[in-house]
Amino acid sequence: MGKAKEAKASFAKGVELAPNCPPPRLSLAQQHLAAGDADLALAEIESVLKLRPNHEHALAISGAAYMRKAEPDKALASFKRALDLNPKSAAANLNIGAAYVAKKQYGEALKYYEQGFALAPANMAALGAIPQVHFLEGNSKAAFARVERELKNSQN
């Protein structure tokens, strides 16, 4: 049995032993998502959210599953609920930014990427996303200016 199948079986056993306990369901959902099965991931997440509708991690996985299914509106709803629960979450801001990029709403994407970067300035994904969005919106001048600004800031 491969490592992924072994992990999936282990988490499934955990769900069987403790059906109302979120951690094994969350882990199983992540395994399903990693294997490309967003629907199975969402089924596990829905079980968690029925018990704990404000479970931040479940909402994040839910959003990721909806992004995998190319349903950015549903992903946004999950990610925004997670952000409402934890307004200082850099990850939630970055996830919302990614969902807005999928919707080609670049101004909104930049707003959330900037917030995510402000909350976690060492996050290279956030830093890289900002100029990328500028490029997507056709503003290479802003993209290069942002890169230059961050290079200068890193030297101080």
C-alpha atoms as a PDB file:
ATOM      1  CA  MET A   1       0.000   0.000   0.000  1.00  0.00           C
ATOM      2  CA  GLY A   2       1.398   3.413  -0.961  1.00  0.00           C
ATOM      3  CA  LYS A   3       1.966   6.147   1.607  1.00  0.00           C
ATOM      4  CA  ALA A   4      -1.056   8.198   0.455  1.00  0.00           C
ATOM      5  CA  LYS A   5      -3.385   5.177   0.574  1.00  0.00           C
ATOM      6  CA  GLU A   6      -1.989   4.205   3.945  1.00  0.00           C
ATOM      7  CA  ALA A   7      -2.570   7.716   5.305  1.00  0.00           C
ATOM      8  CA  LYS A   8      -6.093   7.797   3.877  1.00  0.00           C
ATOM      9  CA  ALA A   9      -6.894   4.422   5.462  1.00  0.00           C
ATOM     10  CA  SER A  10      -5.498   5.578   8.793  1.00  0.00           C
ATOM     11  CA  PHE A  11      -7.570   8.773   8.799  1.00  0.00           C
ATOM     12  CA  ALA A  12     -10.668   6.848   7.671  1.00  0.00           C
ATOM     13  CA  LYS A  13     -10.176   4.528  10.656  1.00  0.00           C
ATOM     14  CA  GLY A  14      -9.912   7.599  12.887  1.00  0.00           C
ATOM     15  CA  VAL A  15     -13.215   8.887  11.479  1.00  0.00           C
ATOM     16  CA  GLU A  16     -14.796   5.493  12.122  1.00  0.00           C
ATOM     17  CA  LEU A  17     -13.583   5.461  15.727  1.00  0.00           C
ATOM     18  CA  ALA A  18     -14.457   9.100  16.461  1.00  0.00           C
ATOM     19  CA  PRO A  19     -17.051  10.295  13.916  1.00  0.00           C
ATOM     20  CA  ASN A  20     -17.690  13.576  15.730  1.00  0.00           C
ATOM     21  CA  CYS A  21     -14.025  14.486  16.121  1.00  0.00           C
ATOM     22  CA  PRO A  22     -12.832  17.030  13.518  1.00  0.00           C
ATOM     23  CA  PRO A  23      -9.087  16.236  13.237  1.00  0.00           C
ATOM     24  CA  PRO A  24      -9.362  12.866  11.475  1.00  0.00           C
ATOM     25  CA  ARG A  25     -12.045  14.226   9.113  1.00  0.00           C
ATOM     26  CA  LEU A  26      -9.929  17.293   8.328  1.00  0.00           C
ATOM     27  CA  SER A  27      -6.905  15.114   7.634  1.00  0.00           C
ATOM     28  CA  LEU A  28      -8.949  12.781   5.459  1.00  0.00           C
ATOM     29  CA  ALA A  29     -10.370  15.779   3.574  1.00  0.00           C
ATOM     30  CA  GLN A  30      -6.846  17.056   2.944  1.00  0.00           C
ATOM     31  CA  GLN A  31      -5.828  13.627   1.639  1.00  0.00           C
ATOM     32  CA  HIS A  32      -8.806  13.598  -0.731  1.00  0.00           C
ATOM     33  CA  LEU A  33      -7.939  17.099  -1.900  1.00  0.00           C
ATOM     34  CA  ALA A  34      -4.290  16.158  -2.456  1.00  0.00           C
ATOM     35  CA  ALA A  35      -5.490  13.195  -4.530  1.00  0.00           C
ATOM     36  CA  GLY A  36      -7.603  15.567  -6.633  1.00  0.00           C
ATOM     37  CA  ASP A  37     -11.010  14.540  -5.281  1.00  0.00           C
ATOM     38  CA  ALA A  38     -12.602  17.792  -4.175  1.00  0.00           C
ATOM     39  CA  ASP A  39     -16.051  16.214  -3.839  1.00  0.00           C
ATOM     40  CA  LEU A  40     -14.890  13.643  -1.282  1.00  0.00           C
ATOM     41  CA  ALA A  41     -12.993  16.388   0.542  1.00  0.00           C
ATOM     42  CA  LEU A  42     -16.131  18.521   0.688  1.00  0.00           C
ATOM     43  CA  ALA A  43     -18.168  15.604   2.033  1.00  0.00           C
ATOM     44  CA  GLU A  44     -15.785  15.282   4.973  1.00  0.00           C
ATOM     45  CA  ILE A  45     -15.707  19.032   5.526  1.00  0.00           C
ATOM     46  CA  GLU A  46     -19.495  19.261   5.519  1.00  0.00           C
ATOM     47  CA  SER A  47     -19.551  16.682   8.317  1.00  0.00           C
ATOM     48  CA  VAL A  48     -17.219  18.861  10.369  1.00  0.00           C
ATOM     49  CA  LEU A  49     -19.129  22.072   9.607  1.00  0.00           C
ATOM     50  CA  LYS A  50     -22.430  20.474  10.671  1.00  0.00           C
ATOM     51  CA  LEU A  51     -20.924  19.908  14.104  1.00  0.00           C
ATOM     52  CA  ARG A  52     -18.817  23.068  14.227  1.00  0.00           C
ATOM     53  CA  PRO A  53     -20.031  25.652  11.705  1.00  0.00           C
ATOM     54  CA  ASN A  54     -17.285  28.089  12.698  1.00  0.00           C
ATOM     55  CA  HIS A  55     -14.324  25.749  12.348  1.00  0.00           C
ATOM     56  CA  GLU A  56     -11.730  27.979  10.694  1.00  0.00           C
ATOM     57  CA  HIS A  57      -9.558  25.174   9.346  1.00  0.00           C
ATOM     58  CA  ALA A  58     -12.573  23.340   7.882  1.00  0.00           C
ATOM     59  CA  LEU A  59     -13.652  26.537   6.154  1.00  0.00           C
ATOM     60  CA  ALA A  60     -10.181  26.956   4.665  1.00  0.00           C
ATOM     61  CA  ILE A  61     -10.183  23.394   3.316  1.00  0.00           C
ATOM     62  CA  SER A  62     -13.707  23.923   2.008  1.00  0.00           C
ATOM     63  CA  GLY A  63     -12.545  27.005   0.121  1.00  0.00           C
ATOM     64  CA  ALA A  64      -9.571  25.122  -1.295  1.00  0.00           C
ATOM     65  CA  ALA A  65     -11.865  22.336  -2.486  1.00  0.00           C
ATOM     66  CA  TYR A  66     -14.153  24.823  -4.192  1.00  0.00           C
ATOM     67  CA  MET A  67     -11.145  26.450  -5.845  1.00  0.00           C
ATOM     68  CA  ARG A  68     -10.111  22.996  -7.109  1.00  0.00           C
ATOM     69  CA  LYS A  69     -13.630  22.634  -8.556  1.00  0.00           C
ATOM     70  CA  ALA A  70     -13.276  26.068 -10.244  1.00  0.00           C
ATOM     71  CA  GLU A  71     -16.081  27.519  -8.110  1.00  0.00           C
ATOM     72  CA  PRO A  72     -14.487  30.749  -6.839  1.00  0.00           C
ATOM     73  CA  ASP A  73     -17.768  32.232  -5.533  1.00  0.00           C
ATOM     74  CA  LYS A  74     -18.262  29.299  -3.170  1.00  0.00           C
ATOM     75  CA  ALA A  75     -14.575  29.411  -2.264  1.00  0.00           C
ATOM     76  CA  LEU A  76     -14.895  33.111  -1.434  1.00  0.00           C
ATOM     77  CA  ALA A  77     -17.833  32.425   0.863  1.00  0.00           C
ATOM     78  CA  SER A  78     -15.788  29.852   2.805  1.00  0.00           C
ATOM     79  CA  PHE A  79     -12.644  31.962   2.918  1.00  0.00           C
ATOM     80  CA  LYS A  80     -14.552  35.061   4.031  1.00  0.00           C
ATOM     81  CA  ARG A  81     -16.219  33.124   6.843  1.00  0.00           C
ATOM     82  CA  ALA A  82     -12.763  32.003   7.948  1.00  0.00           C
ATOM     83  CA  LEU A  83     -11.552  35.607   7.848  1.00  0.00           C
ATOM     84  CA  ASP A  84     -14.560  36.763   9.879  1.00  0.00           C
ATOM     85  CA  LEU A  85     -13.551  34.230  12.542  1.00  0.00           C
ATOM     86  CA  ASN A  86      -9.918  35.332  12.508  1.00  0.00           C
ATOM     87  CA  PRO A  87      -9.446  38.818  11.029  1.00  0.00           C
ATOM     88  CA  LYS A  88      -5.676  38.624  11.578  1.00  0.00           C
ATOM     89  CA  SER A  89      -5.308  35.517   9.417  1.00  0.00           C
ATOM     90  CA  ALA A  90      -2.785  36.111   6.658  1.00  0.00           C
ATOM     91  CA  ALA A  91      -3.775  32.783   5.090  1.00  0.00           C
ATOM     92  CA  ALA A  92      -7.455  33.731   4.852  1.00  0.00           C
ATOM     93  CA  ASN A  93      -6.550  37.052   3.212  1.00  0.00           C
ATOM     94  CA  LEU A  94      -4.269  35.310   0.711  1.00  0.00           C
ATOM     95  CA  ASN A  95      -6.912  32.693  -0.059  1.00  0.00           C
ATOM     96  CA  ILE A  96      -9.484  35.413  -0.692  1.00  0.00           C
ATOM     97  CA  GLY A  97      -6.992  37.162  -2.961  1.00  0.00           C
ATOM     98  CA  ALA A  98      -6.521  33.953  -4.960  1.00  0.00           C
ATOM     99  CA  ALA A  99     -10.280  33.521  -5.325  1.00  0.00           C
ATOM    100  CA  TYR A 100     -10.586  37.069  -6.633  1.00  0.00           C
ATOM    101  CA  VAL A 101      -7.794  36.376  -9.127  1.00  0.00           C
ATOM    102  CA  ALA A 102      -9.800  33.363 -10.337  1.00  0.00           C
ATOM    103  CA  LYS A 103     -12.732  35.733 -10.845  1.00  0.00           C
ATOM    104  CA  LYS A 104     -10.423  38.225 -12.620  1.00  0.00           C
ATOM    105  CA  GLN A 105     -11.305  40.871 -10.027  1.00  0.00           C
ATOM    106  CA  TYR A 106      -7.763  42.102  -9.672  1.00  0.00           C
ATOM    107  CA  GLY A 107      -8.434  45.201  -7.583  1.00  0.00           C
ATOM    108  CA  GLU A 108     -10.104  43.104  -4.894  1.00  0.00           C
ATOM    109  CA  ALA A 109      -7.349  40.498  -5.158  1.00  0.00           C
ATOM    110  CA  LEU A 110      -4.689  43.156  -4.552  1.00  0.00           C
ATOM    111  CA  LYS A 111      -6.545  44.473  -1.513  1.00  0.00           C
ATOM    112  CA  TYR A 112      -6.533  41.058   0.163  1.00  0.00           C
ATOM    113  CA  TYR A 113      -3.002  40.159  -0.929  1.00  0.00           C
ATOM    114  CA  GLU A 114      -1.769  43.451   0.542  1.00  0.00           C
ATOM    115  CA  GLN A 115      -3.579  42.710   3.810  1.00  0.00           C
ATOM    116  CA  GLY A 116      -2.116  39.205   3.873  1.00  0.00           C
ATOM    117  CA  PHE A 117       1.377  40.543   3.226  1.00  0.00           C
ATOM    118  CA  ALA A 118       0.970  43.184   5.956  1.00  0.00           C
ATOM    119  CA  LEU A 119       0.014  40.434   8.417  1.00  0.00           C
ATOM    120  CA  ALA A 120       2.872  38.139   7.348  1.00  0.00           C
ATOM    121  CA  PRO A 121       5.637  40.184   5.697  1.00  0.00           C
ATOM    122  CA  ALA A 122       7.961  37.179   5.523  1.00  0.00           C
ATOM    123  CA  ASN A 123       5.435  35.268   3.411  1.00  0.00           C
ATOM    124  CA  MET A 124       7.073  35.004   0.005  1.00  0.00           C
ATOM    125  CA  ALA A 125       3.877  33.704  -1.623  1.00  0.00           C
ATOM    126  CA  ALA A 126       2.108  36.918  -0.651  1.00  0.00           C
ATOM    127  CA  LEU A 127       4.984  39.031  -1.849  1.00  0.00           C
ATOM    128  CA  GLY A 128       5.107  37.211  -5.173  1.00  0.00           C
ATOM    129  CA  ALA A 129       1.352  37.387  -5.694  1.00  0.00           C
ATOM    130  CA  ILE A 130       1.155  41.174  -5.604  1.00  0.00           C
ATOM    131  CA  PRO A 131       3.332  41.905  -8.667  1.00  0.00           C
ATOM    132  CA  GLN A 132       1.778  38.910 -10.411  1.00  0.00           C
ATOM    133  CA  VAL A 133      -1.676  40.478 -10.077  1.00  0.00           C
ATOM    134  CA  HIS A 134      -0.321  43.750 -11.441  1.00  0.00           C
ATOM    135  CA  PHE A 135       0.957  41.826 -14.467  1.00  0.00           C
ATOM    136  CA  LEU A 136      -2.419  40.095 -14.886  1.00  0.00           C
ATOM    137  CA  GLU A 137      -4.178  43.433 -14.922  1.00  0.00           C
ATOM    138  CA  GLY A 138      -1.705  44.660 -17.547  1.00  0.00           C
ATOM    139  CA  ASN A 139       0.205  47.025 -15.289  1.00  0.00           C
ATOM    140  CA  SER A 140       3.823  45.924 -15.579  1.00  0.00           C
ATOM    141  CA  LYS A 141       5.012  49.325 -14.336  1.00  0.00           C
ATOM    142  CA  ALA A 142       3.250  48.778 -10.982  1.00  0.00           C
ATOM    143  CA  ALA A 143       4.571  45.207 -10.837  1.00  0.00           C
ATOM    144  CA  PHE A 144       8.183  46.289 -11.314  1.00  0.00           C
ATOM    145  CA  ALA A 145       7.759  49.205  -8.901  1.00  0.00           C
ATOM    146  CA  ARG A 146       6.487  46.813  -6.216  1.00  0.00           C
ATOM    147  CA  VAL A 147       9.404  44.444  -6.719  1.00  0.00           C
ATOM    148  CA  GLU A 148      11.883  47.336  -6.542  1.00  0.00           C
ATOM    149  CA  ARG A 149      10.231  48.688  -3.385  1.00  0.00           C
ATOM    150  CA  GLU A 150      10.460  45.326  -1.641  1.00  0.00           C
ATOM    151  CA  LEU A 151      14.067  44.874  -2.717  1.00  0.00           C
ATOM    152  CA  LYS A 152      14.911  48.251  -1.212  1.00  0.00           C
ATOM    153  CA  ASN A 153      13.008  47.413   1.974  1.00  0.00           C
ATOM    154  CA  SER A 154      14.880  44.109   2.305  1.00  0.00           C
ATOM    155  CA  GLN A 155      18.216  45.930   2.198  1.00  0.00           C
ATOM    156  CA  ASN A 156      17.305  48.216   5.102  1.00  0.00           C
END
